[in-house]
Protein backbone atom coordinates (compact mmCIF):
# COMPACT_ATOMS: atom_id res chain seq x y z
CA MET A 1 -41.23 11.24 -49.44
CA ALA A 2 -41.96 14.79 -50.54
CA LEU A 3 -40.58 17.73 -48.96
CA ALA A 4 -43.89 18.82 -47.77
CA ALA A 5 -45.03 15.55 -46.35
CA ILE A 6 -41.92 15.70 -44.58
CA ASN A 7 -42.44 18.99 -42.56
CA SER A 8 -46.21 18.70 -42.09
CA GLU A 9 -45.88 15.65 -40.03
CA LYS A 10 -45.68 15.90 -36.29
CA ILE A 11 -42.36 14.40 -36.45
CA PRO A 12 -40.39 15.46 -39.49
CA ASN A 13 -38.86 12.30 -41.15
CA ASN A 14 -38.16 10.98 -44.53
CA VAL A 15 -38.57 7.19 -43.34
CA HIS A 16 -42.30 6.97 -44.25
CA LEU A 17 -43.14 7.14 -40.30
CA SER A 18 -46.59 7.41 -41.03
CA ASP A 19 -46.86 3.82 -42.71
CA ASP A 20 -45.75 2.38 -39.43
CA LYS A 21 -48.32 3.59 -37.07
CA ARG A 22 -46.89 1.49 -33.94
CA LEU A 23 -43.67 3.07 -34.32
CA GLN A 24 -45.30 6.52 -35.07
CA ARG A 25 -47.26 6.13 -31.68
CA ALA A 26 -44.17 4.98 -29.99
CA LEU A 27 -42.36 8.22 -31.02
CA GLU A 28 -44.84 10.31 -30.70
CA LYS A 29 -45.34 9.02 -26.84
CA TRP A 30 -41.45 9.56 -26.45
CA GLN A 31 -41.44 13.06 -28.15
CA PRO A 32 -43.19 15.17 -24.89
CA LYS A 33 -40.69 13.27 -22.78
CA PHE A 34 -38.04 14.72 -24.87
CA LEU A 35 -39.40 17.74 -24.83
CA SER A 36 -39.71 17.82 -21.06
CA TRP A 37 -35.86 16.78 -20.99
CA TRP A 38 -35.04 19.92 -23.30
CA GLN A 39 -36.63 22.26 -21.28
CA ASP A 40 -34.90 20.84 -17.68
CA MET A 41 -31.54 20.24 -19.27
CA GLY A 42 -31.16 22.31 -22.59
CA PRO A 43 -29.88 25.86 -22.65
CA GLU A 44 -30.69 27.91 -19.90
CA GLY A 45 -32.69 31.23 -19.96
CA PHE A 46 -33.08 31.32 -23.57
CA GLN A 47 -35.96 28.90 -24.27
CA ALA A 48 -38.39 31.92 -25.18
CA ASN A 49 -35.74 33.65 -27.98
CA ASP A 50 -35.79 33.53 -31.28
CA VAL A 51 -32.43 32.09 -32.56
CA TYR A 52 -31.27 31.87 -36.08
CA LEU A 53 -31.13 27.97 -36.76
CA ARG A 54 -30.34 25.68 -39.35
CA THR A 55 -33.13 23.29 -39.54
CA ALA A 56 -32.87 19.82 -41.65
CA ILE A 57 -35.73 19.54 -43.87
CA SER A 58 -34.69 17.13 -46.30
CA VAL A 59 -31.45 15.34 -47.14
CA ASP A 60 -31.00 16.51 -50.69
CA ARG A 61 -27.74 18.06 -51.37
CA ASP A 62 -29.04 21.32 -52.38
CA GLY A 63 -31.76 21.74 -49.80
CA TRP A 64 -30.81 19.83 -46.54
CA ALA A 65 -30.85 22.60 -44.34
CA HIS A 66 -32.94 25.57 -43.81
CA PHE A 67 -32.12 28.83 -42.14
CA GLY A 68 -34.58 31.18 -40.18
CA HIS A 69 -35.10 32.50 -36.68
CA VAL A 70 -37.02 29.81 -34.59
CA LYS A 71 -37.48 29.33 -30.77
CA MET A 72 -35.62 26.18 -29.79
CA PRO A 73 -38.68 24.37 -28.19
CA ASP A 74 -40.14 24.80 -31.77
CA TYR A 75 -37.42 23.43 -33.36
CA ARG A 76 -38.19 20.89 -36.05
CA TRP A 77 -36.26 17.91 -34.63
CA GLY A 78 -36.98 14.80 -36.55
CA ILE A 79 -35.48 11.70 -38.50
CA PHE A 80 -33.42 11.58 -41.31
CA LEU A 81 -31.27 9.00 -43.13
CA SER A 82 -29.52 9.48 -46.26
CA GLU A 83 -30.94 7.85 -49.44
CA ALA A 84 -30.59 4.35 -49.62
CA GLU A 85 -27.80 2.82 -51.85
CA LYS A 86 -29.81 0.22 -54.18
CA ASP A 87 -28.36 -3.75 -53.71
CA ARG A 88 -26.01 -2.30 -51.14
CA GLU A 89 -23.53 -5.05 -49.72
CA ILE A 90 -21.77 -5.47 -46.60
CA GLY A 91 -18.01 -4.19 -47.48
CA PHE A 92 -15.84 -5.60 -45.10
CA GLY A 93 -15.18 -8.26 -42.43
CA ASP A 94 -16.43 -12.08 -42.70
CA ASN A 95 -19.88 -11.00 -44.28
CA ILE A 96 -18.21 -9.03 -47.20
CA GLY A 97 -20.14 -9.06 -50.49
CA THR A 98 -23.45 -10.28 -48.82
CA PRO A 99 -26.73 -7.88 -48.96
CA ALA A 100 -26.54 -5.35 -46.15
CA TRP A 101 -28.97 -6.07 -43.50
CA GLN A 102 -32.44 -4.16 -43.42
CA GLU A 103 -33.45 -5.77 -40.28
CA VAL A 104 -31.20 -6.72 -37.15
CA PRO A 105 -29.32 -9.88 -37.35
CA GLY A 106 -30.28 -11.90 -34.51
CA GLU A 107 -26.76 -13.06 -33.75
CA HIS A 108 -25.75 -9.37 -33.68
CA ARG A 109 -28.55 -7.89 -31.88
CA ASN A 110 -26.90 -7.22 -28.79
CA ALA A 111 -23.84 -5.45 -30.09
CA LEU A 112 -25.77 -3.40 -32.41
CA LYS A 113 -27.77 -2.25 -29.43
CA ARG A 114 -24.53 -1.47 -27.56
CA LEU A 115 -23.27 0.55 -30.46
CA ILE A 116 -26.25 2.55 -30.80
CA VAL A 117 -26.74 3.26 -27.09
CA THR A 118 -23.68 4.67 -26.42
CA GLN A 119 -23.68 6.84 -29.42
CA GLY A 120 -26.90 7.81 -28.61
CA ASP A 121 -26.00 8.52 -25.08
CA THR A 122 -23.24 11.19 -26.08
CA GLU A 123 -25.79 13.33 -27.93
CA PRO A 124 -27.86 14.68 -24.60
CA ALA A 125 -24.72 14.38 -22.38
CA SER A 126 -23.27 17.37 -24.63
CA VAL A 127 -26.24 19.46 -24.30
CA GLU A 128 -26.27 18.89 -20.46
CA GLN A 129 -22.69 19.72 -20.41
CA GLN A 130 -23.13 23.13 -22.33
CA ARG A 131 -26.65 24.14 -20.87
CA LEU A 132 -25.17 27.02 -18.77
CA LEU A 133 -22.83 28.33 -21.16
CA GLY A 134 -25.09 31.02 -22.97
CA GLN A 135 -24.88 32.94 -19.46
CA THR A 136 -21.36 33.94 -20.51
CA CYS A 137 -21.35 34.31 -24.09
CA PRO A 138 -18.78 36.26 -25.71
CA SER A 139 -21.03 37.39 -28.58
CA LEU A 140 -24.54 36.66 -30.10
CA TYR A 141 -22.70 34.84 -33.04
CA ASP A 142 -21.20 32.36 -30.47
CA LEU A 143 -24.60 32.01 -28.50
CA ARG A 144 -26.06 31.09 -31.63
CA ASN A 145 -23.40 28.60 -32.57
CA LEU A 146 -23.87 27.03 -29.31
CA PHE A 147 -27.66 26.76 -29.60
CA GLN A 148 -26.83 25.28 -33.38
CA VAL A 149 -24.93 22.78 -31.95
CA ASN A 150 -27.27 21.89 -28.87
CA VAL A 151 -30.48 21.63 -31.29
CA GLU A 152 -28.43 19.16 -33.68
CA GLU A 153 -27.30 17.18 -30.84
CA GLY A 154 -30.93 16.58 -30.03
CA ARG A 155 -31.70 15.73 -33.40
CA HIS A 156 -28.90 13.12 -33.47
CA LEU A 157 -30.59 11.74 -30.34
CA TRP A 158 -33.73 11.42 -32.25
CA ALA A 159 -31.69 9.46 -35.09
CA MET A 160 -30.68 7.05 -32.16
CA VAL A 161 -33.73 6.60 -30.51
CA TYR A 162 -35.53 6.00 -33.88
CA LEU A 163 -33.20 3.06 -34.52
CA LEU A 164 -33.98 1.83 -31.10
CA GLN A 165 -37.45 2.12 -31.16
CA SER A 166 -37.74 0.88 -34.89
CA TYR A 167 -35.51 -2.17 -34.72
CA PHE A 168 -35.21 -3.44 -31.09
CA GLY A 169 -38.67 -3.75 -29.57
CA ARG A 170 -39.02 -3.48 -25.97
CA ASP A 171 -35.64 -3.28 -25.39
CA GLY A 172 -35.25 -0.48 -27.59
CA ARG A 173 -37.85 1.51 -25.93
CA GLU A 174 -36.25 0.91 -22.49
CA GLU A 175 -33.13 1.97 -23.99
CA ALA A 176 -34.73 5.57 -25.33
CA GLU A 177 -35.85 5.95 -21.89
CA GLY A 178 -32.69 5.73 -20.35
CA LEU A 179 -31.30 8.17 -22.89
CA LEU A 180 -33.28 10.78 -21.09
CA GLU A 181 -33.03 9.51 -17.59
CA ARG A 182 -29.06 9.71 -17.14
CA ARG A 183 -27.22 12.73 -16.48
CA SER A 184 -23.90 13.98 -17.37
CA GLY A 185 -21.95 14.28 -14.06
CA ASP A 186 -24.50 12.57 -12.04
CA VAL A 187 -23.24 10.65 -9.14
CA ASP A 188 -25.72 7.89 -9.39
CA LYS A 189 -26.69 7.98 -13.11
CA PRO A 190 -23.94 9.58 -15.02
CA ARG A 191 -23.38 9.44 -18.85
CA ILE A 192 -22.07 6.06 -20.04
CA LEU A 193 -18.56 7.69 -21.45
CA THR A 194 -16.32 9.59 -19.08
CA THR A 195 -15.59 12.46 -21.11
CA PHE A 196 -19.30 13.50 -21.48
CA ASN A 197 -19.33 13.90 -17.46
CA GLU A 198 -16.71 16.21 -17.45
CA PRO A 199 -17.87 20.05 -16.59
CA ILE A 200 -17.55 22.78 -19.47
CA ALA A 201 -17.97 25.48 -17.32
CA ASP A 202 -16.35 28.22 -19.91
CA TRP A 203 -15.82 28.74 -23.46
CA LEU A 204 -12.76 27.84 -23.88
CA SER A 205 -13.63 24.40 -22.74
CA PHE A 206 -16.43 24.43 -25.34
CA PHE A 207 -14.19 24.95 -28.09
CA MET A 208 -11.69 22.35 -27.12
CA PHE A 209 -14.89 19.92 -26.76
CA THR A 210 -16.45 21.04 -30.32
CA ASN A 211 -12.97 20.47 -31.56
CA PHE A 212 -11.57 17.49 -29.84
CA THR A 213 -14.71 15.48 -28.64
CA ASP A 214 -17.06 16.19 -31.63
CA LYS A 215 -13.88 15.26 -33.92
CA ASP A 216 -14.00 11.89 -32.13
CA GLY A 217 -17.91 12.05 -32.70
CA LYS A 218 -16.97 12.28 -36.61
CA TYR A 219 -14.78 9.24 -36.59
CA GLN A 220 -17.14 7.22 -34.77
CA LEU A 221 -19.81 8.12 -37.33
CA LEU A 222 -17.42 7.51 -40.02
CA SER A 223 -16.86 4.03 -38.84
CA LEU A 224 -20.78 3.38 -38.30
CA ALA A 225 -21.46 4.89 -41.69
CA GLU A 226 -19.83 1.45 -43.17
CA SER A 227 -21.98 -0.52 -41.26
CA GLY A 228 -23.44 -3.61 -42.77
CA PHE A 229 -26.78 -2.91 -40.93
CA ASP A 230 -27.96 -0.44 -43.63
CA PRO A 231 -30.38 1.87 -41.36
CA LEU A 232 -27.53 2.61 -39.09
CA ALA A 233 -25.01 3.39 -41.93
CA ARG A 234 -27.48 5.77 -43.52
CA THR A 235 -28.27 7.43 -40.20
CA ALA A 236 -24.52 7.89 -39.67
CA ARG A 237 -24.14 9.39 -42.97
CA PHE A 238 -26.68 12.06 -42.58
CA MET A 239 -25.35 13.04 -39.04
CA LEU A 240 -21.84 13.60 -40.38
CA THR A 241 -23.41 16.46 -42.76
CA GLU A 242 -24.45 18.49 -39.59
CA GLU A 243 -21.45 17.57 -37.23
CA ALA A 244 -19.11 19.20 -39.65
CA HIS A 245 -20.55 22.60 -38.13
CA HIS A 246 -19.70 21.73 -34.65
CA MET A 247 -15.83 21.07 -35.34
CA PHE A 248 -15.82 24.12 -37.36
CA VAL A 249 -17.06 25.97 -34.13
CA GLY A 250 -14.42 24.41 -32.09
CA VAL A 251 -11.27 24.56 -34.29
CA THR A 252 -12.26 28.30 -35.45
CA GLY A 253 -13.27 29.30 -31.60
CA VAL A 254 -9.81 28.30 -30.55
CA GLU A 255 -8.12 29.97 -33.47
CA ARG A 256 -9.95 33.45 -32.27
CA VAL A 257 -8.88 33.11 -28.78
CA VAL A 258 -4.95 32.32 -30.06
CA ARG A 259 -5.61 35.57 -32.03
CA ARG A 260 -6.73 37.76 -29.41
CA THR A 261 -3.91 36.37 -27.14
CA CYS A 262 -1.25 37.08 -29.91
CA GLU A 263 -2.69 40.86 -30.29
CA LEU A 264 -2.68 41.27 -26.83
CA MET A 265 0.98 39.89 -26.47
CA LYS A 266 2.29 42.65 -29.60
CA GLU A 267 0.30 45.33 -27.88
CA TYR A 268 1.74 44.97 -24.31
CA ASP A 269 4.83 43.62 -25.44
CA THR A 270 4.41 40.71 -22.85
CA ASP A 271 3.74 36.90 -22.81
CA ASP A 272 1.82 37.32 -19.47
CA VAL A 273 -1.50 38.85 -20.87
CA LYS A 274 -3.66 37.97 -17.99
CA PRO A 275 -3.38 41.43 -16.54
CA TYR A 276 -4.87 42.63 -19.78
CA GLY A 277 -7.82 40.05 -19.79
CA GLY A 278 -6.23 37.25 -22.32
CA ILE A 279 -5.51 33.87 -21.84
CA PRO A 280 -1.75 33.11 -22.05
CA LEU A 281 -0.70 30.81 -25.03
CA ASP A 282 0.79 28.18 -22.45
CA LEU A 283 -2.55 28.32 -20.62
CA ILE A 284 -4.16 27.28 -23.95
CA GLN A 285 -2.17 24.65 -24.63
CA LYS A 286 -2.66 23.14 -21.14
CA TYR A 287 -6.47 22.84 -22.02
CA ILE A 288 -5.29 21.20 -25.30
CA ASN A 289 -3.36 18.63 -23.63
CA PHE A 290 -6.35 18.07 -21.20
CA TRP A 291 -9.40 17.59 -23.89
CA TYR A 292 -7.04 16.16 -26.42
CA ALA A 293 -6.51 13.37 -23.96
CA SER A 294 -9.68 12.53 -22.76
CA SER A 295 -11.03 12.38 -26.07
CA LEU A 296 -8.63 9.94 -26.99
CA ASP A 297 -10.04 7.67 -24.38
CA LEU A 298 -13.26 7.53 -26.37
CA PHE A 299 -11.93 5.32 -28.81
CA GLY A 300 -11.50 2.62 -26.26
CA ALA A 301 -8.83 0.07 -25.65
CA GLU A 302 -6.08 -0.65 -28.12
CA LYS A 303 -6.22 -3.93 -28.06
CA SER A 304 -9.95 -4.83 -28.38
CA SER A 305 -11.93 -8.21 -29.00
CA ASN A 306 -15.01 -6.14 -29.26
CA ALA A 307 -13.47 -4.01 -31.83
CA ALA A 308 -12.43 -7.32 -33.55
CA ASN A 309 -15.89 -8.74 -33.32
CA TYR A 310 -17.47 -5.83 -34.84
CA PHE A 311 -15.45 -5.70 -37.76
CA ALA A 312 -15.57 -9.01 -38.36
CA ALA A 313 -19.42 -9.05 -38.39
CA GLY A 314 -19.72 -6.24 -40.56
CA LEU A 315 -21.04 -3.87 -37.87
CA LYS A 316 -18.39 -1.21 -37.62
CA GLY A 317 -15.67 -0.53 -40.42
CA ARG A 318 -12.50 1.92 -40.56
CA ALA A 319 -13.25 5.31 -41.51
CA TRP A 320 -13.83 5.60 -45.20
CA GLU A 321 -13.47 1.93 -45.24
CA MET A 322 -14.41 1.42 -48.89
CA LYS A 323 -12.17 4.52 -50.25
CA LYS A 324 -9.18 4.37 -48.18
CA TYR A 325 -8.57 0.70 -48.15
CA ASP A 326 -7.78 -1.96 -50.89
CA GLU A 327 -8.20 -5.29 -48.65
CA HIS A 328 -11.39 -5.28 -46.63
CA THR A 329 -10.99 -8.60 -44.41
CA ALA A 330 -7.91 -7.50 -42.36
CA MET A 331 -7.31 -11.13 -41.80
CA ASN A 332 -3.88 -11.66 -42.20
CA ASP A 333 -2.59 -8.17 -41.38
CA TYR A 334 -0.86 -7.01 -37.93
CA TYR A 335 -0.68 -3.24 -36.36
CA ASP A 336 2.83 -2.65 -34.85
CA MET A 337 1.57 -1.17 -31.40
CA THR A 338 3.71 0.31 -28.73
CA VAL A 339 3.12 -1.78 -25.57
CA LEU A 340 4.02 -2.07 -21.95
CA GLU A 341 5.74 -5.20 -20.72
CA ASP A 342 7.89 -5.31 -17.68
CA GLY A 343 7.75 -2.10 -16.80
CA ARG A 344 9.25 -0.76 -20.26
CA LEU A 345 7.92 0.34 -23.61
CA THR A 346 8.28 -2.29 -26.61
CA HIS A 347 6.67 -3.13 -29.63
CA SER A 348 4.07 -6.11 -30.52
CA ASP A 349 2.41 -7.06 -33.64
CA ILE A 350 -1.15 -7.15 -32.71
CA PRO A 351 -3.70 -8.79 -35.20
CA LEU A 352 -5.02 -5.83 -37.12
CA ARG A 353 -8.75 -6.61 -36.38
CA ASN A 354 -7.98 -6.42 -32.44
CA ALA A 355 -6.64 -3.12 -33.41
CA MET A 356 -9.28 -1.38 -35.12
CA ASN A 357 -9.93 1.15 -32.36
CA GLU A 358 -6.25 2.21 -32.73
CA VAL A 359 -6.38 2.46 -36.27
CA LEU A 360 -9.15 4.71 -35.85
CA ARG A 361 -7.43 7.11 -33.42
CA ASP A 362 -4.54 7.17 -35.70
CA ARG A 363 -6.55 8.99 -38.14
CA TYR A 364 -8.11 10.79 -35.50
CA ILE A 365 -4.90 12.00 -34.52
CA GLU A 366 -3.69 12.74 -38.14
CA ASP A 367 -6.89 15.29 -38.20
CA ASN A 368 -5.91 17.20 -35.07
CA GLU A 369 -2.66 17.74 -36.33
CA LYS A 370 -4.41 19.83 -38.91
CA SER A 371 -6.20 21.83 -36.29
CA THR A 372 -2.94 22.39 -34.56
CA GLU A 373 -1.33 23.61 -37.71
CA LYS A 374 -4.18 26.26 -38.34
CA TRP A 375 -3.61 27.39 -34.62
CA ASN A 376 0.07 27.75 -35.22
CA ARG A 377 -0.32 29.61 -38.40
CA GLU A 378 -2.14 32.12 -36.54
CA VAL A 379 0.81 32.35 -34.05
CA ALA A 380 3.36 33.05 -36.85
CA LYS A 381 1.15 35.60 -38.58
CA HIS A 382 1.80 38.02 -35.52
CA GLY A 383 5.39 36.93 -35.55
CA ILE A 384 5.55 35.21 -32.10
CA ASP A 385 7.93 32.19 -31.61
CA TYR A 386 5.40 29.55 -29.95
CA GLN A 387 4.17 26.38 -31.10
CA PHE A 388 1.08 24.36 -30.02
CA LYS A 389 1.82 20.65 -30.02
CA LEU A 390 -0.29 17.53 -29.31
CA ALA A 391 0.81 15.39 -26.35
CA SER A 392 1.68 11.82 -26.89
CA LYS A 393 -1.37 9.58 -27.15
CA ARG A 394 -0.20 7.54 -23.90
CA PHE A 395 -0.21 11.20 -21.74
CA HIS A 396 -2.85 10.99 -19.15
CA ARG A 397 -5.25 8.24 -20.41
CA THR A 398 -7.62 6.60 -18.11
CA VAL A 399 -8.59 3.96 -20.94
CA GLY A 400 -6.48 1.10 -22.45
CA ILE A 401 -3.39 -0.18 -21.95
CA TYR A 402 -1.46 3.25 -20.82
CA ALA A 403 -4.22 3.63 -18.07
CA GLY A 404 -2.82 3.63 -14.70
CA HIS A 405 0.66 4.33 -15.94
CA THR A 406 2.56 7.62 -16.02
CA PHE A 407 4.03 9.41 -19.04
CA ASN A 408 5.10 12.70 -19.96
CA LEU A 409 3.97 14.63 -22.70
CA GLN A 410 6.52 12.99 -24.87
CA GLY A 411 4.95 9.77 -24.01
CA GLU A 412 7.95 8.57 -22.22
CA LEU A 413 7.45 6.50 -19.09
CA ILE A 414 8.07 8.20 -15.84
CA SER A 415 7.54 7.70 -12.08
CA GLN A 416 4.62 8.63 -10.10
CA GLU A 417 6.37 10.98 -8.28
CA GLU A 418 7.61 13.10 -11.25
CA TYR A 419 4.21 12.71 -12.89
CA LYS A 420 2.36 14.23 -9.84
CA SER A 421 5.28 17.07 -9.41
CA LYS A 422 4.80 17.95 -13.00
CA LEU A 423 1.16 17.57 -13.58
CA ASP A 424 -0.06 20.90 -12.76
CA SER A 425 2.23 22.00 -15.39
CA TRP A 426 0.79 20.08 -18.26
CA ILE A 427 -2.93 20.02 -17.43
CA PRO A 428 -5.01 23.20 -16.21
CA THR A 429 -5.00 23.65 -12.42
CA GLU A 430 -8.13 24.84 -10.53
CA ASP A 431 -6.68 28.29 -10.08
CA GLU A 432 -6.30 28.58 -13.67
CA LYS A 433 -9.72 27.49 -14.28
CA VAL A 434 -11.08 30.04 -12.05
CA PHE A 435 -9.07 32.74 -13.67
CA VAL A 436 -10.86 31.58 -17.19
CA ARG A 437 -14.23 31.58 -15.75
CA SER A 438 -13.56 35.03 -14.65
CA LEU A 439 -13.02 36.35 -18.35
CA MET A 440 -16.63 34.89 -19.17
CA GLN A 441 -18.49 37.76 -19.05
CA GLN A 442 -21.69 37.97 -21.28
CA VAL A 443 -21.45 40.12 -24.21
CA ILE A 444 -25.08 40.14 -26.10
CA GLU A 445 -24.95 43.31 -28.06
CA PRO A 446 -24.96 42.79 -31.91
CA GLY A 447 -21.55 43.40 -33.33
CA LYS A 448 -19.66 43.32 -30.01
CA CYS A 449 -17.43 40.73 -28.71
CA ALA A 450 -15.85 39.87 -25.34
CA ALA A 451 -12.03 41.04 -24.89
CA TRP A 452 -10.64 37.83 -24.58
CA ILE A 453 -11.49 36.55 -27.84
CA ALA A 454 -11.42 38.04 -31.44
CA PRO A 455 -14.45 38.35 -33.60
CA PRO A 456 -14.94 36.10 -36.53
CA LYS A 457 -13.77 36.91 -39.73
CA LYS A 458 -17.22 36.25 -41.37
CA GLY A 459 -20.64 35.53 -40.19
CA ILE A 460 -23.04 32.50 -40.36
CA ASN A 461 -24.77 31.77 -44.10
CA GLN A 462 -23.24 35.02 -45.68
CA ASN A 463 -24.75 37.29 -42.75
CA PRO A 464 -22.31 39.72 -41.14
CA PHE A 465 -20.89 39.45 -37.67
CA GLU A 466 -23.27 42.25 -36.82
CA PHE A 467 -26.28 40.32 -37.50
CA GLU A 468 -29.14 39.71 -34.65
CA TYR A 469 -28.31 36.18 -34.50
CA VAL A 470 -30.46 36.06 -31.37
CA LYS A 471 -33.38 38.37 -30.76
CA LEU A 472 -33.33 39.42 -26.96
């Protein structure tokens, strides 16, 4: 489809939407409901402002995004799939070597729908969680990055709704409606996954979320990008190009908070930077502990028959399945898992297919270790003797085999009493959250930055930090 045609349609797309009038009508009927949701639950207070946004206009390597000022309600949300791979075959599981599905295989219909709905539900949820953050933005640069994340989460919702409406008939249309009816944190209609019901009331939490939780999204998309259902694989591959910026916002955001704290520590020769408007390093560590543990839950149970079935069917592979693994059936292999038996930790060999969630979680942990190393390098530059650490994957878990049991940061099994007595030293207390929120004062003058965070080293798309990223 020519670029001009992609962008002249009411719903920008590269899926030849105009050739399927039934689907086109269904999506155009859904579009005003989406826009109504955006006005109600999207960023509050900035819908009439021009924002310097990156907009997907094609999937071409040299031109998949266009930068320019646009009002968020006018953003060109659309449907983009990576280019089709000719004669693509399913690369793993029991159906390895057979042609990739271009239509939903009947025997896997419910499993595929569940995967798509769960992924789709996370996209509007994060927008809802972050809708008030603009009121306390530390700079115009950060305000723009928040809105970029928000509009792209909206486009990722469109991607999932396209799959539901295109391939799942009436069920898909009903699920698409449900994606706009649930609300993050709502008592009666919460979002599907617990992490996406957590409040994000301050920018430190936002940076932790975009580093840890969006990174979970990266690994979920990497596994779906291997799917034998080709439309899902192509959708996930293009979504990954946009997801990278979200994690950039997170890892550099935390790094900038760390930098400013270190500057204050050196300036005032103290570890306690609270009186000077900074966030102490040990409090940053507590935010890391909370959001990391919460995001670990998103991978699901360590031992999972669903994960085994998804892999066997060819619906959801390992991250970089075709690049990083030589054997793709996982039929005769085992995973050495630390499990609980009779009140103690021991090792057990789990059939690899049943441990696919844990395989994905391991790759995620390795990735987060790189982020932690980056933050530690920033501390070291200032000559300060402190190191951030990732807690054990058993700490503070609410999903899987470790849920309901109490572990310390090192993953050692401890009593309920000891856990309760020390939890306030491991994750943020309500008083500490109140303190962090007290620092969140809006700064919207171009080139200015809040006192609790350092300015970025460079701007967006070769623009300086002083650029007018949001026109107020």
